Amino acid sequence: MPWADGGGDALKAMILAAGRGERMRPYTDATPKPLLRVGGKALIEYHLEALARAGLHEVVVNVGHLGGQIEAALGDGERYGVRIRYSREDPAILDTGGGIVNALPLLGEAPFLVVNGDIYADYPFKQLPTVPAGLAHLVLVPNPPQHPGGDFALHGGRVTSEGDTRLTFSGIGVYRPQLFADCQPGVFPLAPLLRRAMAAGQVGGERYDGQWWDIGTPARLAALDQRLTNR
């Protein structure tokens, strides 16, 4: 079942926006990575607009490094057509897994979408399943030059940690809260949880061949800015 306009308000999305962005220094010394601008907009604004188009109007944004700037820039989300609630990580930034667990009280008991705040993609969120077949559904993309080995393999709609043809995790996924049932609050990454679920055959996925950029360096930020500006 896709994310439908009629039911979108009952489903929530989370944008991961708390990280330090070490590889983007010195830009991120003064500006949080999701607020870096490409094509005349902050990276995170593209996500908010895409979520609203897909009918996902309830959004949680986790904030940590320079998080006050993100809250000041986005406010309550009204101008983007969404309602934003903030999950604050202070004093420690909790990494991807810990950040999601910290936000679970805001996300509720239904499956939810998570997207990394430091990527750019034209992926249509309506294409995602509202309910994963297992514990998670991941969007995988062809390996970019900076990550030729990929992350996971895709076999018949199932994602595995090993395989001959590997793809890169896009940073877009749908998760059941049960994926995090045994997690304790604290700092930890998401990938080990996903690998355990993969070993149990509980992670589905798809390949997406559209636009996807991992904004991991100033050079890639500049390249994307030029592309979007010229477009």
Protein backbone atom coordinates (compact mmCIF):
# COMPACT_ATOMS: atom_id res chain seq x y z
CA MET A 1 0.00 0.00 0.00
CA PRO A 2 1.51 3.38 -0.98
CA TRP A 3 1.48 6.53 1.09
CA ALA A 4 -1.93 7.91 0.14
CA ASP A 5 -3.08 11.53 0.43
CA GLY A 6 -6.13 10.51 2.40
CA GLY A 7 -4.16 8.64 5.04
CA GLY A 8 -0.94 10.62 5.01
CA ASP A 9 -1.81 12.77 8.02
CA ALA A 10 -1.88 9.67 10.25
CA LEU A 11 1.66 8.70 9.19
CA LYS A 12 4.75 10.50 10.32
CA ALA A 13 8.16 11.22 8.86
CA MET A 14 11.48 11.97 10.50
CA ILE A 15 14.37 13.97 9.06
CA LEU A 16 17.77 13.21 10.59
CA ALA A 17 19.39 16.62 11.04
CA ALA A 18 21.47 16.46 14.23
CA GLY A 19 24.93 15.53 12.93
CA ARG A 20 28.11 17.57 13.14
CA GLY A 21 28.98 17.30 9.44
CA GLU A 22 32.73 16.92 9.99
CA ARG A 23 33.50 16.32 6.31
CA MET A 24 31.78 19.59 5.39
CA ARG A 25 33.96 21.79 7.58
CA PRO A 26 34.54 24.71 7.58
CA TYR A 27 30.99 25.30 6.28
CA THR A 28 29.46 23.39 9.17
CA ASP A 29 31.44 25.27 11.80
CA ALA A 30 28.85 28.04 11.52
CA THR A 31 25.91 26.40 9.72
CA PRO A 32 24.28 23.02 10.38
CA LYS A 33 24.61 20.75 7.36
CA PRO A 34 20.86 20.51 6.57
CA LEU A 35 20.74 24.31 6.20
CA LEU A 36 23.49 24.43 3.57
CA ARG A 37 21.98 25.87 0.42
CA VAL A 38 21.83 24.36 -3.07
CA GLY A 39 19.81 25.76 -5.94
CA GLY A 40 18.58 28.62 -3.76
CA LYS A 41 17.18 26.46 -0.92
CA ALA A 42 18.45 24.72 2.17
CA LEU A 43 18.89 20.96 1.72
CA ILE A 44 16.24 20.20 4.34
CA GLU A 45 13.67 22.39 2.58
CA TYR A 46 13.63 20.04 -0.41
CA HIS A 47 12.68 17.20 1.95
CA LEU A 48 9.91 19.17 3.64
CA GLU A 49 8.38 20.14 0.32
CA ALA A 50 8.57 16.57 -0.99
CA LEU A 51 6.97 15.18 2.17
CA ALA A 52 4.12 17.68 1.91
CA ARG A 53 3.55 16.74 -1.75
CA ALA A 54 3.30 13.09 -0.72
CA GLY A 55 0.70 13.87 1.96
CA LEU A 56 3.02 13.39 4.93
CA HIS A 57 2.30 16.45 7.03
CA GLU A 58 3.52 15.34 10.47
CA VAL A 59 7.31 15.67 10.59
CA VAL A 60 9.83 15.14 13.37
CA VAL A 61 13.26 16.78 12.97
CA ASN A 62 16.03 15.78 15.34
CA VAL A 63 18.46 18.58 16.14
CA GLY A 64 21.84 18.65 17.80
CA HIS A 65 24.78 20.58 16.33
CA LEU A 66 23.65 24.22 15.94
CA GLY A 67 20.10 22.94 16.29
CA GLY A 68 18.76 26.32 17.30
CA GLN A 69 19.51 27.58 13.79
CA ILE A 70 17.39 24.78 12.29
CA GLU A 71 14.48 25.52 14.59
CA ALA A 72 14.69 29.23 13.86
CA ALA A 73 14.85 28.66 10.10
CA LEU A 74 12.03 26.12 9.82
CA GLY A 75 9.75 27.17 12.66
CA ASP A 76 6.60 25.09 12.97
CA GLY A 77 6.74 24.09 9.30
CA GLU A 78 3.54 25.85 8.30
CA ARG A 79 5.03 27.56 5.27
CA TYR A 80 6.10 24.17 3.90
CA GLY A 81 2.68 22.61 4.44
CA VAL A 82 3.79 20.42 7.35
CA ARG A 83 3.80 20.47 11.14
CA ILE A 84 7.28 20.11 12.61
CA ARG A 85 8.09 18.81 16.07
CA TYR A 86 11.70 18.79 17.25
CA SER A 87 13.56 15.97 18.98
CA ARG A 88 16.46 17.64 20.75
CA GLU A 89 19.75 15.85 21.40
CA ASP A 90 21.67 17.61 24.13
CA PRO A 91 24.43 17.41 25.19
CA ALA A 92 25.34 14.34 23.11
CA ILE A 93 24.44 13.75 19.47
CA LEU A 94 22.96 10.26 19.43
CA ASP A 95 23.88 8.97 15.94
CA THR A 96 21.23 7.55 13.61
CA GLY A 97 19.91 4.69 15.72
CA GLY A 98 20.01 6.58 18.99
CA GLY A 99 18.42 9.61 17.38
CA ILE A 100 15.46 7.58 16.14
CA VAL A 101 14.99 5.90 19.51
CA ASN A 102 15.06 9.31 21.21
CA ALA A 103 12.30 10.48 18.85
CA LEU A 104 10.02 7.43 19.20
CA PRO A 105 7.66 9.18 21.66
CA LEU A 106 6.97 11.75 18.92
CA LEU A 107 6.71 9.18 16.12
CA GLY A 108 4.06 6.95 17.68
CA GLU A 109 3.25 3.29 17.22
CA ALA A 110 2.71 3.13 13.44
CA PRO A 111 5.48 2.62 10.86
CA PHE A 112 7.24 5.86 9.95
CA LEU A 113 9.49 7.22 7.24
CA VAL A 114 13.04 8.38 7.95
CA VAL A 115 15.19 10.40 5.55
CA ASN A 116 18.72 11.68 6.06
CA GLY A 117 18.83 15.47 6.15
CA ASP A 118 22.12 15.64 4.23
CA ILE A 119 21.03 14.03 0.98
CA TYR A 120 19.27 15.38 -2.10
CA ALA A 121 16.92 13.09 -4.02
CA ASP A 122 13.91 13.30 -6.29
CA TYR A 123 12.54 10.02 -4.94
CA PRO A 124 8.69 10.09 -4.80
CA PHE A 125 7.80 9.31 -1.19
CA LYS A 126 4.35 8.13 -2.28
CA GLN A 127 6.09 5.10 -3.78
CA LEU A 128 7.02 3.74 -0.35
CA PRO A 129 4.88 1.10 1.38
CA THR A 130 2.92 2.38 4.36
CA VAL A 131 3.59 -0.89 6.16
CA PRO A 132 6.86 -2.76 5.55
CA ALA A 133 6.56 -6.48 4.86
CA GLY A 134 9.06 -7.02 7.67
CA LEU A 135 10.60 -4.58 10.12
CA ALA A 136 11.95 -2.17 7.53
CA HIS A 137 11.85 -1.18 3.86
CA LEU A 138 14.96 0.50 2.43
CA VAL A 139 15.54 2.48 -0.75
CA LEU A 140 18.83 1.51 -2.38
CA VAL A 141 20.60 3.38 -5.17
CA PRO A 142 23.45 2.62 -7.59
CA ASN A 143 26.84 3.05 -5.95
CA PRO A 144 28.26 6.57 -6.36
CA PRO A 145 31.95 7.04 -7.22
CA GLN A 146 32.84 7.82 -3.61
CA HIS A 147 31.25 4.58 -2.34
CA PRO A 148 31.94 1.92 -5.00
CA GLY A 149 31.56 -1.06 -2.65
CA GLY A 150 27.98 -0.29 -1.71
CA ASP A 151 26.24 -1.27 1.51
CA PHE A 152 23.72 -4.05 0.95
CA ALA A 153 22.44 -6.43 -1.71
CA LEU A 154 18.89 -6.73 -3.05
CA HIS A 155 17.37 -10.12 -3.90
CA GLY A 156 13.74 -10.40 -4.95
CA GLY A 157 12.63 -7.47 -2.85
CA ARG A 158 14.65 -8.53 0.19
CA VAL A 159 17.71 -6.66 1.41
CA THR A 160 20.69 -8.69 2.62
CA SER A 161 24.02 -7.71 4.09
CA GLU A 162 25.95 -9.87 1.65
CA GLY A 163 25.65 -10.43 -2.08
CA ASP A 164 27.50 -10.21 -5.37
CA THR A 165 25.76 -7.05 -6.61
CA ARG A 166 25.76 -4.45 -3.89
CA LEU A 167 23.93 -1.14 -3.78
CA THR A 168 24.15 1.93 -1.57
CA PHE A 169 21.60 2.72 1.12
CA SER A 170 20.02 6.02 0.13
CA GLY A 171 19.19 7.17 3.65
CA ILE A 172 15.46 6.76 2.91
CA GLY A 173 13.52 4.02 4.69
CA VAL A 174 10.30 3.03 6.41
CA TYR A 175 10.58 1.39 9.82
CA ARG A 176 8.31 -0.33 12.26
CA PRO A 177 8.87 0.82 15.85
CA GLN A 178 9.39 -2.86 16.72
CA LEU A 179 12.80 -2.67 15.00
CA PHE A 180 13.94 -0.64 18.02
CA ALA A 181 12.13 -2.68 20.69
CA ASP A 182 15.29 -3.94 22.43
CA CYS A 183 17.24 -0.68 22.17
CA GLN A 184 18.30 1.33 25.17
CA PRO A 185 18.59 5.13 24.95
CA GLY A 186 22.06 6.32 24.03
CA VAL A 187 24.47 6.82 21.18
CA PHE A 188 24.44 4.11 18.50
CA PRO A 189 24.17 3.73 14.70
CA LEU A 190 21.26 2.28 12.76
CA ALA A 191 23.22 -0.10 10.51
CA PRO A 192 23.81 -2.90 13.09
CA LEU A 193 20.06 -3.04 13.82
CA LEU A 194 19.33 -3.33 10.13
CA ARG A 195 21.91 -6.06 9.64
CA ARG A 196 20.39 -8.14 12.44
CA ALA A 197 16.95 -7.70 10.90
CA MET A 198 18.36 -8.67 7.49
CA ALA A 199 19.79 -11.87 8.95
CA ALA A 200 16.26 -12.71 10.09
CA GLY A 201 14.80 -11.95 6.63
CA GLN A 202 12.94 -8.93 7.98
CA VAL A 203 14.13 -6.14 5.67
CA GLY A 204 12.55 -5.41 2.30
CA GLY A 205 13.70 -2.89 -0.24
CA GLU A 206 13.77 -1.46 -3.72
CA ARG A 207 16.24 0.05 -6.15
CA TYR A 208 15.85 3.65 -7.26
CA ASP A 209 17.69 4.97 -10.32
CA GLY A 210 16.63 8.61 -10.17
CA GLN A 211 18.47 11.63 -8.82
CA TRP A 212 20.30 10.99 -5.55
CA TRP A 213 23.23 12.91 -4.08
CA ASP A 214 25.08 12.33 -0.82
CA ILE A 215 26.28 15.79 0.17
CA GLY A 216 29.41 14.62 1.95
CA THR A 217 32.02 17.12 0.78
CA PRO A 218 32.15 20.80 -0.21
CA ALA A 219 32.92 19.73 -3.79
CA ARG A 220 29.74 17.65 -4.04
CA LEU A 221 27.74 20.48 -2.50
CA ALA A 222 29.09 22.86 -5.15
CA ALA A 223 28.40 20.39 -7.96
CA LEU A 224 24.78 19.91 -6.87
CA ASP A 225 24.30 23.65 -6.46
CA GLN A 226 25.50 24.22 -10.00
CA ARG A 227 23.26 21.47 -11.36
CA LEU A 228 20.13 22.75 -9.63
CA THR A 229 20.88 26.37 -10.46
CA ASN A 230 21.38 25.58 -14.16
CA ARG A 231 18.21 23.51 -14.21
